PDB file of N, CA and C in Angstrom:
ATOM      1  N   LEU A   1       0.834  -1.191   0.000  1.00  0.00           N
ATOM      2  CA  LEU A   1       0.000   0.000   0.000  1.00  0.00           C
ATOM      3  C   LEU A   1       0.874   1.249   0.000  1.00  0.00           C
ATOM      4  N   HIS A   2       1.900   1.249   0.856  1.00  0.00           N
ATOM      5  CA  HIS A   2       2.820   2.389   0.892  1.00  0.00           C
ATOM      6  C   HIS A   2       3.481   2.593  -0.472  1.00  0.00           C
ATOM      7  N   TRP A   3       3.879   1.499  -1.096  1.00  0.00           N
ATOM      8  CA  TRP A   3       4.537   1.579  -2.404  1.00  0.00           C
ATOM      9  C   TRP A   3       3.624   2.251  -3.424  1.00  0.00           C
ATOM     10  N   ALA A   4       2.364   1.823  -3.465  1.00  0.00           N
ATOM     11  CA  ALA A   4       1.410   2.380  -4.429  1.00  0.00           C
ATOM     12  C   ALA A   4       1.167   3.862  -4.173  1.00  0.00           C
ATOM     13  N   VAL A   5       1.077   4.243  -2.918  1.00  0.00           N
ATOM     14  CA  VAL A   5       0.848   5.651  -2.576  1.00  0.00           C
ATOM     15  C   VAL A   5       2.057   6.494  -2.948  1.00  0.00           C
ATOM     16  N   GLU A   6       3.250   6.026  -2.600  1.00  0.00           N
ATOM     17  CA  GLU A   6       4.462   6.798  -2.900  1.00  0.00           C
ATOM     18  C   GLU A   6       4.631   7.036  -4.396  1.00  0.00           C
ATOM     19  N   ARG A   7       4.177   6.104  -5.197  1.00  0.00           N
ATOM     20  CA  ARG A   7       4.336   6.228  -6.643  1.00  0.00           C
ATOM     21  C   ARG A   7       3.103   6.795  -7.338  1.00  0.00           C
ATOM     22  N   GLY A   8       2.058   7.057  -6.558  1.00  0.00           N
ATOM     23  CA  GLY A   8       0.830   7.586  -7.139  1.00  0.00           C
ATOM     24  C   GLY A   8       0.155   6.618  -8.088  1.00  0.00           C
ATOM     25  N   ASN A   9       0.335   5.327  -7.841  1.00  0.00           N
ATOM     26  CA  ASN A   9      -0.222   4.300  -8.720  1.00  0.00           C
ATOM     27  C   ASN A   9      -1.654   3.982  -8.283  1.00  0.00           C
ATOM     28  N   LEU A  10      -2.610   4.680  -8.884  1.00  0.00           N
ATOM     29  CA  LEU A  10      -4.009   4.527  -8.494  1.00  0.00           C
ATOM     30  C   LEU A  10      -4.585   3.171  -8.868  1.00  0.00           C
ATOM     31  N   ASP A  11      -4.086   2.543  -9.907  1.00  0.00           N
ATOM     32  CA  ASP A  11      -4.581   1.213 -10.287  1.00  0.00           C
ATOM     33  C   ASP A  11      -4.289   0.196  -9.192  1.00  0.00           C
ATOM     34  N   ILE A  12      -3.055   0.187  -8.715  1.00  0.00           N
ATOM     35  CA  ILE A  12      -2.692  -0.748  -7.644  1.00  0.00           C
ATOM     36  C   ILE A  12      -3.372  -0.347  -6.341  1.00  0.00           C
ATOM     37  N   LEU A  13      -3.411   0.940  -6.064  1.00  0.00           N
ATOM     38  CA  LEU A  13      -4.078   1.429  -4.856  1.00  0.00           C
ATOM     39  C   LEU A  13      -5.538   0.985  -4.848  1.00  0.00           C
ATOM     40  N   ASN A  14      -6.214   1.142  -5.958  1.00  0.00           N
ATOM     41  CA  ASN A  14      -7.607   0.718  -6.069  1.00  0.00           C
ATOM     42  C   ASN A  14      -7.750  -0.777  -5.811  1.00  0.00           C
ATOM     43  N   SER A  15      -6.887  -1.572  -6.400  1.00  0.00           N
ATOM     44  CA  SER A  15      -6.947  -3.026  -6.205  1.00  0.00           C
ATOM     45  C   SER A  15      -6.758  -3.393  -4.739  1.00  0.00           C
ATOM     46  N   LEU A  16      -5.801  -2.760  -4.098  1.00  0.00           N
ATOM     47  CA  LEU A  16      -5.538  -3.057  -2.691  1.00  0.00           C
ATOM     48  C   LEU A  16      -6.694  -2.625  -1.794  1.00  0.00           C
ATOM     49  N   LEU A  17      -7.258  -1.468  -2.065  1.00  0.00           N
ATOM     50  CA  LEU A  17      -8.345  -0.971  -1.225  1.00  0.00           C
ATOM     51  C   LEU A  17      -9.633  -1.770  -1.400  1.00  0.00           C
ATOM     52  N   GLN A  18      -9.751  -2.515  -2.480  1.00  0.00           N
ATOM     53  CA  GLN A  18     -10.924  -3.368  -2.689  1.00  0.00           C
ATOM     54  C   GLN A  18     -10.899  -4.590  -1.776  1.00  0.00           C
ATOM     55  N   ASP A  19      -9.730  -4.929  -1.258  1.00  0.00           N
ATOM     56  CA  ASP A  19      -9.573  -6.109  -0.401  1.00  0.00           C
ATOM     57  C   ASP A  19      -9.866  -5.716   1.049  1.00  0.00           C
ATOM     58  N   PRO A  20     -10.940  -6.233   1.645  1.00  0.00           N
ATOM     59  CA  PRO A  20     -11.292  -5.862   3.015  1.00  0.00           C
ATOM     60  C   PRO A  20     -10.273  -6.328   4.058  1.00  0.00           C
ATOM     61  N   ARG A  21      -9.371  -7.217   3.664  1.00  0.00           N
ATOM     62  CA  ARG A  21      -8.348  -7.696   4.607  1.00  0.00           C
ATOM     63  C   ARG A  21      -7.179  -6.726   4.737  1.00  0.00           C
ATOM     64  N   ILE A  22      -7.075  -5.784   3.818  1.00  0.00           N
ATOM     65  CA  ILE A  22      -5.968  -4.823   3.832  1.00  0.00           C
ATOM     66  C   ILE A  22      -6.156  -3.840   4.982  1.00  0.00           C
ATOM     67  N   ASP A  23      -5.113  -3.664   5.769  1.00  0.00           N
ATOM     68  CA  ASP A  23      -5.118  -2.659   6.838  1.00  0.00           C
ATOM     69  C   ASP A  23      -4.679  -1.335   6.230  1.00  0.00           C
ATOM     70  N   VAL A  24      -5.623  -0.453   5.995  1.00  0.00           N
ATOM     71  CA  VAL A  24      -5.313   0.816   5.329  1.00  0.00           C
ATOM     72  C   VAL A  24      -4.549   1.776   6.230  1.00  0.00           C
ATOM     73  N   ASN A  25      -4.441   1.447   7.509  1.00  0.00           N
ATOM     74  CA  ASN A  25      -3.741   2.305   8.459  1.00  0.00           C
ATOM     75  C   ASN A  25      -2.416   1.711   8.929  1.00  0.00           C
ATOM     76  N   VAL A  26      -1.920   0.719   8.205  1.00  0.00           N
ATOM     77  CA  VAL A  26      -0.660   0.085   8.583  1.00  0.00           C
ATOM     78  C   VAL A  26       0.454   1.135   8.541  1.00  0.00           C
ATOM     79  N   ALA A  27       1.322   1.097   9.544  1.00  0.00           N
ATOM     80  CA  ALA A  27       2.396   2.087   9.639  1.00  0.00           C
ATOM     81  C   ALA A  27       3.734   1.485   9.230  1.00  0.00           C
ATOM     82  N   ASP A  28       4.592   2.333   8.675  1.00  0.00           N
ATOM     83  CA  ASP A  28       5.945   1.894   8.326  1.00  0.00           C
ATOM     84  C   ASP A  28       6.863   2.080   9.537  1.00  0.00           C
ATOM     85  N   HIS A  29       8.163   1.946   9.350  1.00  0.00           N
ATOM     86  CA  HIS A  29       9.125   2.027  10.452  1.00  0.00           C
ATOM     87  C   HIS A  29       9.144   3.394  11.137  1.00  0.00           C
ATOM     88  N   SER A  30       8.620   4.410  10.486  1.00  0.00           N
ATOM     89  CA  SER A  30       8.551   5.753  11.074  1.00  0.00           C
ATOM     90  C   SER A  30       7.148   6.093  11.563  1.00  0.00           C
ATOM     91  N   GLY A  31       6.294   5.093  11.580  1.00  0.00           N
ATOM     92  CA  GLY A  31       4.929   5.308  12.037  1.00  0.00           C
ATOM     93  C   GLY A  31       4.036   5.989  11.017  1.00  0.00           C
ATOM     94  N   ARG A  32       4.513   6.086   9.786  1.00  0.00           N
ATOM     95  CA  ARG A  32       3.733   6.760   8.740  1.00  0.00           C
ATOM     96  C   ARG A  32       2.743   5.792   8.106  1.00  0.00           C
ATOM     97  N   THR A  33       1.503   6.215   8.051  1.00  0.00           N
ATOM     98  CA  THR A  33       0.478   5.447   7.359  1.00  0.00           C
ATOM     99  C   THR A  33       0.476   5.865   5.889  1.00  0.00           C
ATOM    100  N   PRO A  34      -0.225   5.130   5.048  1.00  0.00           N
ATOM    101  CA  PRO A  34      -0.329   5.571   3.659  1.00  0.00           C
ATOM    102  C   PRO A  34      -0.861   7.003   3.538  1.00  0.00           C
ATOM    103  N   LEU A  35      -1.751   7.390   4.441  1.00  0.00           N
ATOM    104  CA  LEU A  35      -2.278   8.756   4.384  1.00  0.00           C
ATOM    105  C   LEU A  35      -1.197   9.783   4.699  1.00  0.00           C
ATOM    106  N   HIS A  36      -0.292   9.483   5.626  1.00  0.00           N
ATOM    107  CA  HIS A  36       0.843  10.380   5.891  1.00  0.00           C
ATOM    108  C   HIS A  36       1.666  10.579   4.621  1.00  0.00           C
ATOM    109  N   LEU A  37       1.936   9.483   3.923  1.00  0.00           N
ATOM    110  CA  LEU A  37       2.734   9.570   2.700  1.00  0.00           C
ATOM    111  C   LEU A  37       2.008  10.373   1.628  1.00  0.00           C
ATOM    112  N   ALA A  38       0.716  10.138   1.496  1.00  0.00           N
ATOM    113  CA  ALA A  38      -0.061  10.874   0.494  1.00  0.00           C
ATOM    114  C   ALA A  38      -0.117  12.357   0.833  1.00  0.00           C
ATOM    115  N   ALA A  39      -0.189  12.684   2.110  1.00  0.00           N
ATOM    116  CA  ALA A  39      -0.245  14.087   2.527  1.00  0.00           C
ATOM    117  C   ALA A  39       1.066  14.803   2.245  1.00  0.00           C
ATOM    118  N   ALA A  40       2.160  14.064   2.230  1.00  0.00           N
ATOM    119  CA  ALA A  40       3.479  14.661   1.987  1.00  0.00           C
ATOM    120  C   ALA A  40       3.816  14.734   0.503  1.00  0.00           C
ATOM    121  N   ALA A  41       3.075  14.020  -0.312  1.00  0.00           N
ATOM    122  CA  ALA A  41       3.384  13.935  -1.745  1.00  0.00           C
ATOM    123  C   ALA A  41       2.652  15.023  -2.531  1.00  0.00           C
ATOM    124  N   PRO A  42       3.178  15.336  -3.698  1.00  0.00           N
ATOM    125  CA  PRO A  42       2.524  16.360  -4.518  1.00  0.00           C
ATOM    126  C   PRO A  42       1.285  15.859  -5.268  1.00  0.00           C
ATOM    127  N   ASN A  43       0.983  14.570  -5.169  1.00  0.00           N
ATOM    128  CA  ASN A  43      -0.130  13.986  -5.917  1.00  0.00           C
ATOM    129  C   ASN A  43      -1.423  14.069  -5.104  1.00  0.00           C
ATOM    130  N   GLU A  44      -2.205  15.107  -5.340  1.00  0.00           N
ATOM    131  CA  GLU A  44      -3.448  15.310  -4.595  1.00  0.00           C
ATOM    132  C   GLU A  44      -4.490  14.241  -4.899  1.00  0.00           C
ATOM    133  N   GLU A  45      -4.418  13.647  -6.068  1.00  0.00           N
ATOM    134  CA  GLU A  45      -5.382  12.616  -6.447  1.00  0.00           C
ATOM    135  C   GLU A  45      -5.258  11.392  -5.538  1.00  0.00           C
ATOM    136  N   THR A  46      -4.036  11.021  -5.206  1.00  0.00           N
ATOM    137  CA  THR A  46      -3.817   9.890  -4.302  1.00  0.00           C
ATOM    138  C   THR A  46      -4.368  10.213  -2.922  1.00  0.00           C
ATOM    139  N   LEU A  47      -4.120  11.410  -2.452  1.00  0.00           N
ATOM    140  CA  LEU A  47      -4.628  11.849  -1.150  1.00  0.00           C
ATOM    141  C   LEU A  47      -6.156  11.795  -1.136  1.00  0.00           C
ATOM    142  N   ALA A  48      -6.782  12.351  -2.140  1.00  0.00           N
ATOM    143  CA  ALA A  48      -8.244  12.354  -2.215  1.00  0.00           C
ATOM    144  C   ALA A  48      -8.795  10.932  -2.283  1.00  0.00           C
ATOM    145  N   TYR A  49      -8.119  10.072  -3.005  1.00  0.00           N
ATOM    146  CA  TYR A  49      -8.549   8.681  -3.143  1.00  0.00           C
ATOM    147  C   TYR A  49      -8.564   7.990  -1.781  1.00  0.00           C
ATOM    148  N   LEU A  50      -7.509   8.181  -1.005  1.00  0.00           N
ATOM    149  CA  LEU A  50      -7.454   7.570   0.327  1.00  0.00           C
ATOM    150  C   LEU A  50      -8.510   8.156   1.258  1.00  0.00           C
ATOM    151  N   LEU A  51      -8.719   9.452   1.176  1.00  0.00           N
ATOM    152  CA  LEU A  51      -9.674  10.099   2.076  1.00  0.00           C
ATOM    153  C   LEU A  51     -11.109   9.646   1.834  1.00  0.00           C
ATOM    154  N   ARG A  52     -11.391   9.101   0.675  1.00  0.00           N
ATOM    155  CA  ARG A  52     -12.736   8.590   0.394  1.00  0.00           C
ATOM    156  C   ARG A  52     -12.993   7.233   1.057  1.00  0.00           C
ATOM    157  N   ASP A  53     -11.949   6.584   1.537  1.00  0.00           N
ATOM    158  CA  ASP A  53     -12.098   5.275   2.181  1.00  0.00           C
ATOM    159  C   ASP A  53     -12.411   5.493   3.666  1.00  0.00           C
ATOM    160  N   VAL A  54     -13.567   5.025   4.111  1.00  0.00           N
ATOM    161  CA  VAL A  54     -14.008   5.259   5.492  1.00  0.00           C
ATOM    162  C   VAL A  54     -13.119   4.576   6.528  1.00  0.00           C
ATOM    163  N   ARG A  55     -12.304   3.619   6.114  1.00  0.00           N
ATOM    164  CA  ARG A  55     -11.426   2.919   7.060  1.00  0.00           C
ATOM    165  C   ARG A  55     -10.183   3.718   7.423  1.00  0.00           C
ATOM    166  N   VAL A  56      -9.868   4.730   6.636  1.00  0.00           N
ATOM    167  CA  VAL A  56      -8.641   5.504   6.841  1.00  0.00           C
ATOM    168  C   VAL A  56      -8.777   6.369   8.093  1.00  0.00           C
ATOM    169  N   ASP A  57      -7.791   6.267   8.977  1.00  0.00           N
ATOM    170  CA  ASP A  57      -7.759   7.052  10.214  1.00  0.00           C
ATOM    171  C   ASP A  57      -7.051   8.376   9.949  1.00  0.00           C
ATOM    172  N   VAL A  58      -7.822   9.449   9.847  1.00  0.00           N
ATOM    173  CA  VAL A  58      -7.237  10.761   9.547  1.00  0.00           C
ATOM    174  C   VAL A  58      -6.486  11.340  10.740  1.00  0.00           C
ATOM    175  N   ASN A  59      -6.654  10.736  11.913  1.00  0.00           N
ATOM    176  CA  ASN A  59      -5.987  11.224  13.119  1.00  0.00           C
ATOM    177  C   ASN A  59      -4.811  10.360  13.551  1.00  0.00           C
ATOM    178  N   ALA A  60      -4.402   9.423  12.724  1.00  0.00           N
ATOM    179  CA  ALA A  60      -3.265   8.558  13.062  1.00  0.00           C
ATOM    180  C   ALA A  60      -2.014   9.411  13.239  1.00  0.00           C
ATOM    181  N   MET A  61      -1.207   9.067  14.222  1.00  0.00           N
ATOM    182  CA  MET A  61       0.028   9.812  14.467  1.00  0.00           C
ATOM    183  C   MET A  61       1.239   8.987  14.077  1.00  0.00           C
ATOM    184  N   ASN A  62       2.213   9.651  13.471  1.00  0.00           N
ATOM    185  CA  ASN A  62       3.469   8.985  13.143  1.00  0.00           C
ATOM    186  C   ASN A  62       4.385   9.002  14.366  1.00  0.00           C
ATOM    187  N   SER A  63       5.607   8.561  14.215  1.00  0.00           N
ATOM    188  CA  SER A  63       6.550   8.481  15.335  1.00  0.00           C
ATOM    189  C   SER A  63       6.910   9.843  15.912  1.00  0.00           C
ATOM    190  N   TYR A  64       6.610  10.903  15.174  1.00  0.00           N
ATOM    191  CA  TYR A  64       6.915  12.263  15.623  1.00  0.00           C
ATOM    192  C   TYR A  64       5.683  12.958  16.192  1.00  0.00           C
ATOM    193  N   GLY A  65       4.596  12.211  16.354  1.00  0.00           N
ATOM    194  CA  GLY A  65       3.365  12.769  16.889  1.00  0.00           C
ATOM    195  C   GLY A  65       2.586  13.609  15.896  1.00  0.00           C
ATOM    196  N   GLU A  66       2.869  13.421  14.607  1.00  0.00           N
ATOM    197  CA  GLU A  66       2.205  14.208  13.571  1.00  0.00           C
ATOM    198  C   GLU A  66       1.059  13.427  12.936  1.00  0.00           C
ATOM    199  N   THR A  67      -0.047  14.109  12.721  1.00  0.00           N
ATOM    200  CA  THR A  67      -1.155  13.535  11.966  1.00  0.00           C
ATOM    201  C   THR A  67      -0.908  13.803  10.483  1.00  0.00           C
ATOM    202  N   PRO A  68      -1.657  13.173   9.603  1.00  0.00           N
ATOM    203  CA  PRO A  68      -1.510  13.491   8.182  1.00  0.00           C
ATOM    204  C   PRO A  68      -1.738  14.979   7.878  1.00  0.00           C
ATOM    205  N   LEU A  69      -2.638  15.617   8.603  1.00  0.00           N
ATOM    206  CA  LEU A  69      -2.863  17.052   8.396  1.00  0.00           C
ATOM    207  C   LEU A  69      -1.615  17.850   8.752  1.00  0.00           C
ATOM    208  N   ASP A  70      -0.960  17.476   9.851  1.00  0.00           N
ATOM    209  CA  ASP A  70       0.295  18.148  10.222  1.00  0.00           C
ATOM    210  C   ASP A  70       1.321  18.022   9.101  1.00  0.00           C
ATOM    211  N   VAL A  71       1.416  16.838   8.536  1.00  0.00           N
ATOM    212  CA  VAL A  71       2.371  16.584   7.454  1.00  0.00           C
ATOM    213  C   VAL A  71       2.018  17.422   6.228  1.00  0.00           C
ATOM    214  N   ALA A  72       0.738  17.502   5.917  1.00  0.00           N
ATOM    215  CA  ALA A  72       0.297  18.258   4.741  1.00  0.00           C
ATOM    216  C   ALA A  72       0.579  19.751   4.885  1.00  0.00           C
ATOM    217  N   MET A  73       0.595  20.242   6.105  1.00  0.00           N
ATOM    218  CA  MET A  73       0.797  21.676   6.334  1.00  0.00           C
ATOM    219  C   MET A  73       2.259  22.092   6.252  1.00  0.00           C
ATOM    220  N   LYS A  74       3.162  21.140   6.138  1.00  0.00           N
ATOM    221  CA  LYS A  74       4.594  21.468   6.060  1.00  0.00           C
ATOM    222  C   LYS A  74       4.958  22.022   4.710  1.00  0.00           C
TER     223      LYS A  74
END
């Protein structure tokens, strides 16, 4: 999921999000969820795509105590 978000690959992202077993809030080694990565990237379409998924935790914090909104404001 992180890979698809970092590359803005909506086809793979869509396929992964269709699987109810996928944890859309899984964190990487820095505590970043896919939404954190999308908020930091210049691809707004990926960010919007994730935000439409009701499973996404918009208040998830990374290892630095930042939410995706905090990351987007940088």
